[in-house]
């Protein structure tokens, strides 16, 4: 059984924490972790992130036992959970009488651990990392305008760090009836550490420093990560889940 630790904080600038996460253990063989970073006026972001996480989690818990346990079926499970969450958030935003929610949306990362593998899906710019033998690797790619510029060779990775449009997403849950969902699987070995986090952490703290904080705090490093992000300005909500 893996251990998981999580901390979420409003940060030093925002009034409401629009991040939301869930840790669940449907049975002794599977663990499910979800993290969302909501956006939208009024309280739309808060509603979108909670709705996405709850919907996707319930979808996985309900459908896991009847899902074949091969790679393709498990990838399709996490992908379908995310697409279903997108539909639910989109429908909520379009309900008559919910004008204040019309602009809401959210990122969503889903991570399912089963038999020494992680199956994950991703939409937005929250991130999943794996720390293995001192090597810190990002497993997801940001669905952002700035990431597109990097991919096209128009700016460098270093220029992307402080780009003025770095928070502009090209894909998010709840803004269209259908969303294309990235899903992949990776090995999960003894002593590996998985980090799921919102951009309130990665916009404030470098990947090198994040990895070092995790290495220096072998049990629960989430509080230290949040504290460091706040020390650097805490310009957004900050959420971190560590799985080891």
Protein backbone atom coordinates (compact mmCIF):
# COMPACT_ATOMS: atom_id res chain seq x y z
CA UNK A 1 0.00 0.00 0.00
CA UNK A 2 1.37 3.41 -0.94
CA UNK A 3 1.43 6.37 1.41
CA UNK A 4 -0.01 9.68 0.32
CA UNK A 5 0.26 13.17 1.78
CA UNK A 6 -1.52 16.31 0.62
CA UNK A 7 -1.63 19.99 1.50
CA UNK A 8 -3.64 22.79 -0.10
CA UNK A 9 -3.37 26.49 0.68
CA UNK A 10 -5.08 29.63 -0.58
CA UNK A 11 -1.74 31.42 -0.96
CA UNK A 12 -1.03 35.06 -0.15
CA UNK A 13 -3.02 36.85 -2.87
CA UNK A 14 -6.26 34.99 -3.65
CA UNK A 15 -9.31 35.16 -1.40
CA UNK A 16 -10.72 31.73 -2.29
CA UNK A 17 -8.96 28.41 -2.76
CA UNK A 18 -10.16 27.12 -6.13
CA UNK A 19 -7.88 24.05 -6.01
CA UNK A 20 -9.44 20.74 -5.01
CA UNK A 21 -8.02 17.24 -4.55
CA UNK A 22 -9.05 13.73 -3.59
CA UNK A 23 -7.21 10.68 -2.28
CA UNK A 24 -9.10 7.38 -2.27
CA UNK A 25 -8.43 3.67 -1.86
CA UNK A 26 -11.30 1.76 -3.49
CA UNK A 27 -9.64 -1.51 -2.48
CA UNK A 28 -6.25 -2.78 -1.32
CA UNK A 29 -5.03 -3.17 -4.91
CA UNK A 30 -5.78 0.25 -6.34
CA UNK A 31 -5.32 3.87 -5.29
CA UNK A 32 -6.81 6.92 -7.02
CA UNK A 33 -5.54 10.48 -6.73
CA UNK A 34 -7.05 13.56 -8.36
CA UNK A 35 -6.15 17.24 -8.42
CA UNK A 36 -7.92 20.19 -10.08
CA UNK A 37 -7.23 23.91 -10.31
CA UNK A 38 -10.43 25.82 -11.04
CA UNK A 39 -10.90 29.07 -12.90
CA UNK A 40 -13.79 31.43 -13.49
CA UNK A 41 -15.48 34.47 -12.06
CA UNK A 42 -17.51 34.61 -8.84
CA UNK A 43 -17.17 31.14 -7.24
CA UNK A 44 -17.12 29.30 -10.57
CA UNK A 45 -13.57 28.00 -10.25
CA UNK A 46 -14.25 26.52 -6.85
CA UNK A 47 -17.37 24.77 -8.13
CA UNK A 48 -15.67 23.53 -11.31
CA UNK A 49 -12.69 21.95 -9.54
CA UNK A 50 -14.81 20.19 -6.90
CA UNK A 51 -17.29 18.95 -9.49
CA UNK A 52 -14.55 17.64 -11.79
CA UNK A 53 -12.68 15.80 -9.04
CA UNK A 54 -15.80 14.29 -7.48
CA UNK A 55 -17.25 13.21 -10.81
CA UNK A 56 -14.04 11.63 -12.11
CA UNK A 57 -13.35 9.85 -8.82
CA UNK A 58 -16.87 8.39 -8.65
CA UNK A 59 -16.61 7.28 -12.29
CA UNK A 60 -13.40 5.35 -11.60
CA UNK A 61 -14.62 3.81 -8.34
CA UNK A 62 -17.88 2.74 -9.98
CA UNK A 63 -16.30 1.27 -13.10
CA UNK A 64 -12.97 -0.15 -11.90
CA UNK A 65 -14.16 -3.65 -10.99
CA UNK A 66 -15.87 -4.18 -14.35
CA UNK A 67 -12.92 -2.81 -16.31
CA UNK A 68 -10.46 -5.27 -17.85
CA UNK A 69 -7.08 -4.91 -16.16
CA UNK A 70 -4.98 -4.64 -19.32
CA UNK A 71 -3.08 -1.45 -20.18
CA UNK A 72 -5.45 -0.14 -22.84
CA UNK A 73 -8.57 -0.68 -20.71
CA UNK A 74 -7.10 1.09 -17.67
CA UNK A 75 -5.91 4.01 -19.80
CA UNK A 76 -9.38 4.25 -21.27
CA UNK A 77 -10.85 4.24 -17.75
CA UNK A 78 -8.91 7.32 -16.62
CA UNK A 79 -9.45 9.02 -19.98
CA UNK A 80 -13.20 8.37 -19.93
CA UNK A 81 -13.44 9.55 -16.31
CA UNK A 82 -11.89 12.86 -17.35
CA UNK A 83 -14.12 13.23 -20.40
CA UNK A 84 -17.19 12.49 -18.31
CA UNK A 85 -16.09 15.09 -15.75
CA UNK A 86 -15.70 17.57 -18.59
CA UNK A 87 -19.27 16.95 -19.73
CA UNK A 88 -20.64 17.37 -16.20
CA UNK A 89 -18.77 20.65 -15.60
CA UNK A 90 -19.76 21.95 -19.05
CA UNK A 91 -23.44 21.12 -18.48
CA UNK A 92 -23.35 22.82 -15.07
CA UNK A 93 -21.84 25.97 -16.58
CA UNK A 94 -24.57 26.08 -19.24
CA UNK A 95 -27.54 25.60 -16.89
CA UNK A 96 -30.15 28.31 -17.13
CA UNK A 97 -29.90 30.65 -14.16
CA UNK A 98 -26.18 30.00 -13.68
CA UNK A 99 -24.92 33.04 -15.59
CA UNK A 100 -22.18 33.63 -13.01
CA UNK A 101 -20.78 30.16 -13.77
CA UNK A 102 -20.66 30.45 -17.57
CA UNK A 103 -16.91 31.15 -17.70
CA UNK A 104 -15.89 28.45 -15.26
CA UNK A 105 -13.44 25.70 -16.09
CA UNK A 106 -10.74 23.65 -14.44
CA UNK A 107 -7.59 21.65 -14.94
CA UNK A 108 -7.72 17.99 -13.95
CA UNK A 109 -5.03 15.39 -13.31
CA UNK A 110 -6.03 11.82 -12.50
CA UNK A 111 -3.56 9.21 -11.27
CA UNK A 112 -4.53 5.56 -10.74
CA UNK A 113 -1.95 3.20 -9.24
CA UNK A 114 -2.40 -0.51 -9.94
CA UNK A 115 0.15 -3.35 -9.87
CA UNK A 116 3.30 -1.22 -9.89
CA UNK A 117 2.13 1.10 -12.64
CA UNK A 118 0.54 4.51 -12.71
CA UNK A 119 -2.18 5.28 -15.24
CA UNK A 120 -2.79 8.99 -15.54
CA UNK A 121 -4.80 11.50 -17.53
CA UNK A 122 -4.19 15.21 -17.85
CA UNK A 123 -5.91 18.40 -19.00
CA UNK A 124 -4.58 21.89 -18.26
CA UNK A 125 -1.39 23.05 -16.55
CA UNK A 126 -1.44 21.24 -13.25
CA UNK A 127 1.38 18.70 -13.30
CA UNK A 128 2.45 15.17 -12.39
CA UNK A 129 6.11 14.42 -11.67
CA UNK A 130 8.05 11.28 -10.82
CA UNK A 131 11.17 11.33 -8.66
CA UNK A 132 13.28 8.22 -9.22
CA UNK A 133 16.81 7.75 -7.90
CA UNK A 134 17.31 11.50 -7.69
CA UNK A 135 16.00 12.18 -11.21
CA UNK A 136 12.93 14.44 -11.26
CA UNK A 137 10.87 14.03 -14.42
CA UNK A 138 7.66 15.76 -15.44
CA UNK A 139 5.19 13.21 -16.82
CA UNK A 140 2.64 15.69 -18.18
CA UNK A 141 2.85 18.51 -20.71
CA UNK A 142 1.12 21.82 -20.00
CA UNK A 143 -1.89 22.55 -22.21
CA UNK A 144 -0.85 26.20 -22.44
CA UNK A 145 -0.11 28.85 -25.03
CA UNK A 146 3.44 29.23 -23.75
CA UNK A 147 4.07 25.47 -24.01
CA UNK A 148 2.94 25.69 -27.63
CA UNK A 149 5.49 28.45 -28.22
CA UNK A 150 8.19 26.24 -26.71
CA UNK A 151 7.13 23.26 -28.84
CA UNK A 152 7.22 25.42 -31.97
CA UNK A 153 10.71 26.68 -31.10
CA UNK A 154 9.57 30.30 -30.83
CA UNK A 155 10.78 30.69 -27.25
CA UNK A 156 13.11 28.72 -25.00
CA UNK A 157 12.17 26.84 -21.84
CA UNK A 158 13.96 29.52 -19.82
CA UNK A 159 11.97 32.27 -21.55
CA UNK A 160 8.75 30.39 -20.82
CA UNK A 161 9.32 30.58 -17.05
CA UNK A 162 8.59 34.32 -16.86
CA UNK A 163 6.47 34.73 -19.99
CA UNK A 164 3.55 37.17 -19.41
CA UNK A 165 1.03 34.74 -20.94
CA UNK A 166 2.19 31.64 -19.07
CA UNK A 167 -1.23 31.16 -17.43
CA UNK A 168 -3.15 31.16 -20.73
CA UNK A 169 -4.55 27.65 -21.28
CA UNK A 170 -5.37 26.16 -24.66
CA UNK A 171 -7.31 23.30 -23.08
CA UNK A 172 -9.36 23.01 -19.90
CA UNK A 173 -12.32 21.05 -18.56
CA UNK A 174 -15.79 22.54 -18.82
CA UNK A 175 -15.28 25.09 -21.61
CA UNK A 176 -16.46 22.89 -24.51
CA UNK A 177 -18.75 19.83 -24.81
CA UNK A 178 -15.78 17.60 -25.64
CA UNK A 179 -12.14 17.73 -24.60
CA UNK A 180 -9.26 15.71 -25.96
CA UNK A 181 -7.59 14.00 -23.00
CA UNK A 182 -3.98 12.91 -22.76
CA UNK A 183 -3.52 9.55 -21.01
CA UNK A 184 -0.38 7.51 -20.42
CA UNK A 185 1.16 4.95 -18.10
CA UNK A 186 4.53 4.69 -16.38
CA UNK A 187 6.26 2.21 -14.13
CA UNK A 188 6.00 2.76 -10.39
CA UNK A 189 8.90 1.17 -8.55
CA UNK A 190 9.84 0.87 -4.90
CA UNK A 191 11.24 4.21 -3.65
CA UNK A 192 9.65 6.18 -6.51
CA UNK A 193 7.88 9.37 -5.45
CA UNK A 194 4.98 10.87 -7.39
CA UNK A 195 4.14 14.56 -7.06
CA UNK A 196 0.85 16.02 -8.27
CA UNK A 197 0.60 19.79 -7.98
CA UNK A 198 -1.17 22.90 -9.19
CA UNK A 199 0.68 25.71 -10.94
CA UNK A 200 0.60 27.74 -7.74
CA UNK A 201 3.61 25.64 -6.75
CA UNK A 202 5.48 25.37 -10.05
CA UNK A 203 5.09 29.08 -10.88
CA UNK A 204 6.75 30.00 -7.59
CA UNK A 205 9.35 27.27 -7.02
CA UNK A 206 11.78 25.80 -9.55
CA UNK A 207 11.69 22.12 -10.39
CA UNK A 208 15.21 21.73 -9.01
CA UNK A 209 14.19 23.17 -5.66
CA UNK A 210 10.97 21.14 -5.55
CA UNK A 211 12.96 17.93 -6.06
CA UNK A 212 15.46 18.90 -3.37
CA UNK A 213 12.71 19.67 -0.84
CA UNK A 214 11.18 16.22 -1.48
CA UNK A 215 14.58 14.55 -1.09
CA UNK A 216 15.29 16.47 2.13
CA UNK A 217 11.90 15.52 3.65
CA UNK A 218 11.52 11.77 3.10
CA UNK A 219 8.08 11.51 4.68
CA UNK A 220 5.65 14.39 4.07
CA UNK A 221 7.19 17.27 2.11
CA UNK A 222 3.89 18.86 1.06
CA UNK A 223 3.85 21.43 3.86
CA UNK A 224 7.41 22.47 3.07
CA UNK A 225 6.55 22.88 -0.61
CA UNK A 226 3.54 25.07 0.16
CA UNK A 227 5.57 27.13 2.63
CA UNK A 228 8.29 27.70 0.03
CA UNK A 229 5.74 28.79 -2.59
CA UNK A 230 4.27 31.26 -0.10
CA UNK A 231 7.74 32.51 0.82
CA UNK A 232 8.29 33.25 -2.88
CA UNK A 233 5.09 35.28 -3.13
CA UNK A 234 2.18 32.83 -2.97
CA UNK A 235 0.50 34.47 -5.97
CA UNK A 236 -1.97 31.62 -6.50
CA UNK A 237 -3.62 28.74 -4.68
CA UNK A 238 -1.10 25.98 -3.99
CA UNK A 239 -1.79 22.26 -3.79
CA UNK A 240 0.63 19.33 -3.59
CA UNK A 241 0.03 15.60 -3.31
CA UNK A 242 3.00 13.33 -2.64
CA UNK A 243 2.65 9.58 -3.22
CA UNK A 244 5.40 7.24 -2.11
